[in-house]
Amino acid sequence: MEQADCRFQTQVRKVQVEARQIRRHTQTFIDIHQVRQAANVKIFIILQAFFQGDDAR
């Protein structure tokens, strides 16, 4: 059981490191506020297209 637990802990640490690397890559050249604004715009456009497409039926 201890060996299986060690494997799980290694995998969790690996995922945490990858998540940190992705976040750093995003923040290197772009302000995080700008990233949030861009994400909000994309979500708004998708929702707007979804609801307008529903009205056309």
Protein backbone atom coordinates (compact mmCIF):
# COMPACT_ATOMS: atom_id res chain seq x y z
CA MET A 1 0.00 0.00 0.00
CA GLU A 2 2.85 2.39 0.77
CA GLN A 3 4.28 1.97 -2.71
CA ALA A 4 0.94 2.85 -4.33
CA ASP A 5 0.63 5.89 -2.07
CA CYS A 6 4.09 7.10 -3.10
CA ARG A 7 3.17 6.84 -6.78
CA PHE A 8 0.03 8.92 -6.21
CA GLN A 9 1.98 11.63 -4.37
CA THR A 10 4.51 11.82 -7.20
CA GLN A 11 1.76 12.26 -9.78
CA VAL A 12 0.06 14.99 -7.74
CA ARG A 13 3.31 16.93 -7.42
CA LYS A 14 3.90 16.62 -11.15
CA VAL A 15 0.47 18.09 -11.92
CA GLN A 16 1.04 20.97 -9.50
CA VAL A 17 4.34 21.84 -11.17
CA GLU A 18 2.75 21.78 -14.62
CA ALA A 19 -0.08 24.04 -13.44
CA ARG A 20 2.43 26.55 -12.08
CA GLN A 21 4.38 26.51 -15.34
CA ILE A 22 1.27 27.20 -17.39
CA ARG A 23 0.24 30.10 -15.16
CA ARG A 24 3.72 31.63 -15.27
CA HIS A 25 3.75 31.38 -19.04
CA THR A 26 0.52 33.37 -19.24
CA GLN A 27 1.73 36.05 -16.83
CA THR A 28 5.19 36.54 -18.30
CA PHE A 29 4.31 39.16 -20.90
CA ILE A 30 0.62 39.86 -20.31
CA ASP A 31 -0.98 41.47 -17.29
CA ILE A 32 -3.41 39.04 -15.65
CA HIS A 33 -6.12 41.73 -15.69
CA GLN A 34 -5.94 41.81 -19.49
CA VAL A 35 -6.22 38.02 -19.62
CA ARG A 36 -9.38 38.12 -17.49
CA GLN A 37 -10.89 40.83 -19.68
CA ALA A 38 -10.19 38.81 -22.83
CA ALA A 39 -11.75 35.71 -21.26
CA ASN A 40 -14.85 37.69 -20.28
CA VAL A 41 -15.21 39.01 -23.83
CA LYS A 42 -14.93 35.49 -25.28
CA ILE A 43 -17.55 34.16 -22.88
CA PHE A 44 -19.89 37.07 -23.68
CA ILE A 45 -19.56 36.49 -27.43
CA ILE A 46 -20.20 32.76 -27.08
CA LEU A 47 -23.25 33.29 -24.88
CA GLN A 48 -24.59 36.01 -27.15
CA ALA A 49 -24.25 33.77 -30.22
CA PHE A 50 -25.86 30.87 -28.36
CA PHE A 51 -28.91 32.83 -27.27
CA GLN A 52 -29.36 34.63 -30.58
CA GLY A 53 -29.14 31.31 -32.42
CA ASP A 54 -31.84 29.92 -30.13
CA ASP A 55 -34.22 32.79 -31.01
CA ALA A 56 -33.86 32.16 -34.75
CA ARG A 57 -35.38 28.67 -34.50
